[in-house]
Amino acid sequence: MRTEGTRNVYSIDFRAIASMRSYLDRFWQKALTAFKDAVEKENGS
């Protein structure tokens, strides 16, 4: 963040965004796989 007059200007750390995206991709892959397995088990597949 930097101040310009009466405004605060923020910048994005794209490496942090990429790291967060990678974490969320892994999290959702695991969650969706677990959900699929539970549904298949419930349906006897």
N, C-alpha and C. Protein backbone atom coordinates (compact mmCIF):
# COMPACT_ATOMS: atom_id res chain seq x y z
N MET A 1 0.84 -1.17 0.00
CA MET A 1 0.00 0.00 0.00
C MET A 1 0.89 1.24 0.00
N ARG A 2 0.43 2.21 -0.74
CA ARG A 2 1.11 3.50 -0.69
C ARG A 2 0.04 4.59 -0.67
N THR A 3 0.37 5.70 -0.09
CA THR A 3 -0.56 6.81 0.00
C THR A 3 -0.24 7.82 -1.09
N GLU A 4 -1.29 8.22 -1.80
CA GLU A 4 -1.18 9.28 -2.80
C GLU A 4 -2.23 10.33 -2.46
N GLY A 5 -1.78 11.40 -1.84
CA GLY A 5 -2.72 12.44 -1.42
C GLY A 5 -3.67 11.88 -0.38
N THR A 6 -4.96 11.91 -0.69
CA THR A 6 -5.96 11.42 0.26
C THR A 6 -6.37 9.98 -0.03
N ARG A 7 -5.66 9.31 -0.95
CA ARG A 7 -6.01 7.94 -1.33
C ARG A 7 -4.95 6.94 -0.88
N ASN A 8 -5.38 5.75 -0.59
CA ASN A 8 -4.48 4.62 -0.37
C ASN A 8 -4.53 3.75 -1.61
N VAL A 9 -3.37 3.49 -2.18
CA VAL A 9 -3.28 2.67 -3.39
C VAL A 9 -2.70 1.32 -3.00
N TYR A 10 -3.45 0.27 -3.33
CA TYR A 10 -3.04 -1.09 -2.99
C TYR A 10 -2.55 -1.80 -4.23
N SER A 11 -1.64 -2.73 -4.03
CA SER A 11 -1.16 -3.56 -5.15
C SER A 11 -1.35 -5.02 -4.78
N ILE A 12 -1.35 -5.85 -5.80
CA ILE A 12 -1.58 -7.28 -5.62
C ILE A 12 -0.26 -8.02 -5.74
N ASP A 13 -0.04 -8.94 -4.83
CA ASP A 13 1.12 -9.82 -4.91
C ASP A 13 0.67 -11.06 -5.68
N PHE A 14 0.99 -11.13 -6.96
CA PHE A 14 0.51 -12.20 -7.82
C PHE A 14 1.07 -13.57 -7.42
N ARG A 15 2.24 -13.60 -6.79
CA ARG A 15 2.78 -14.88 -6.31
C ARG A 15 1.89 -15.43 -5.19
N ALA A 16 1.43 -14.56 -4.32
CA ALA A 16 0.55 -14.99 -3.24
C ALA A 16 -0.79 -15.48 -3.79
N ILE A 17 -1.30 -14.79 -4.81
CA ILE A 17 -2.56 -15.20 -5.44
C ILE A 17 -2.38 -16.57 -6.09
N ALA A 18 -1.27 -16.79 -6.77
CA ALA A 18 -1.00 -18.08 -7.41
C ALA A 18 -0.89 -19.19 -6.37
N SER A 19 -0.26 -18.90 -5.25
CA SER A 19 -0.12 -19.88 -4.18
C SER A 19 -1.49 -20.22 -3.60
N MET A 20 -2.32 -19.22 -3.39
CA MET A 20 -3.66 -19.45 -2.86
C MET A 20 -4.49 -20.26 -3.85
N ARG A 21 -4.37 -19.94 -5.13
CA ARG A 21 -5.11 -20.67 -6.16
C ARG A 21 -4.70 -22.14 -6.18
N SER A 22 -3.42 -22.41 -6.07
CA SER A 22 -2.92 -23.77 -6.04
C SER A 22 -3.49 -24.53 -4.84
N TYR A 23 -3.48 -23.90 -3.68
CA TYR A 23 -4.04 -24.52 -2.48
C TYR A 23 -5.52 -24.83 -2.67
N LEU A 24 -6.29 -23.87 -3.18
CA LEU A 24 -7.72 -24.07 -3.36
C LEU A 24 -8.01 -25.14 -4.41
N ASP A 25 -7.22 -25.21 -5.47
CA ASP A 25 -7.39 -26.27 -6.47
C ASP A 25 -7.20 -27.65 -5.84
N ARG A 26 -6.18 -27.80 -5.02
CA ARG A 26 -5.95 -29.09 -4.34
C ARG A 26 -7.07 -29.39 -3.36
N PHE A 27 -7.49 -28.38 -2.60
CA PHE A 27 -8.56 -28.56 -1.63
C PHE A 27 -9.84 -29.03 -2.31
N TRP A 28 -10.25 -28.35 -3.38
CA TRP A 28 -11.49 -28.72 -4.05
C TRP A 28 -11.39 -30.07 -4.74
N GLN A 29 -10.23 -30.41 -5.26
CA GLN A 29 -10.06 -31.73 -5.88
C GLN A 29 -10.27 -32.82 -4.85
N LYS A 30 -9.69 -32.65 -3.67
CA LYS A 30 -9.86 -33.64 -2.61
C LYS A 30 -11.32 -33.68 -2.15
N ALA A 31 -11.94 -32.53 -1.97
CA ALA A 31 -13.33 -32.48 -1.50
C ALA A 31 -14.27 -33.12 -2.51
N LEU A 32 -14.09 -32.82 -3.79
CA LEU A 32 -14.97 -33.38 -4.81
C LEU A 32 -14.77 -34.88 -4.97
N THR A 33 -13.54 -35.33 -4.83
CA THR A 33 -13.27 -36.77 -4.90
C THR A 33 -13.94 -37.48 -3.72
N ALA A 34 -13.85 -36.91 -2.53
CA ALA A 34 -14.49 -37.50 -1.36
C ALA A 34 -16.01 -37.53 -1.53
N PHE A 35 -16.57 -36.46 -2.07
CA PHE A 35 -18.02 -36.40 -2.31
C PHE A 35 -18.43 -37.47 -3.32
N LYS A 36 -17.70 -37.60 -4.40
CA LYS A 36 -17.98 -38.62 -5.42
C LYS A 36 -17.93 -40.01 -4.82
N ASP A 37 -16.90 -40.29 -4.02
CA ASP A 37 -16.76 -41.59 -3.38
C ASP A 37 -17.94 -41.87 -2.44
N ALA A 38 -18.36 -40.87 -1.68
CA ALA A 38 -19.49 -41.04 -0.75
C ALA A 38 -20.78 -41.33 -1.51
N VAL A 39 -21.01 -40.62 -2.61
CA VAL A 39 -22.22 -40.84 -3.40
C VAL A 39 -22.20 -42.23 -4.01
N GLU A 40 -21.07 -42.63 -4.54
CA GLU A 40 -20.96 -43.96 -5.15
C GLU A 40 -21.16 -45.06 -4.11
N LYS A 41 -20.63 -44.85 -2.92
CA LYS A 41 -20.79 -45.84 -1.84
C LYS A 41 -22.26 -45.93 -1.45
N GLU A 42 -22.92 -44.79 -1.34
CA GLU A 42 -24.32 -44.75 -0.97
C GLU A 42 -25.21 -45.44 -2.02
N ASN A 43 -24.85 -45.29 -3.29
CA ASN A 43 -25.62 -45.88 -4.37
C ASN A 43 -25.21 -47.31 -4.67
N GLY A 44 -24.21 -47.81 -3.97
CA GLY A 44 -23.77 -49.18 -4.19
C GLY A 44 -22.96 -49.38 -5.44
N SER A 45 -22.38 -48.33 -5.96
CA SER A 45 -21.59 -48.43 -7.20
C SER A 45 -20.19 -48.88 -6.91
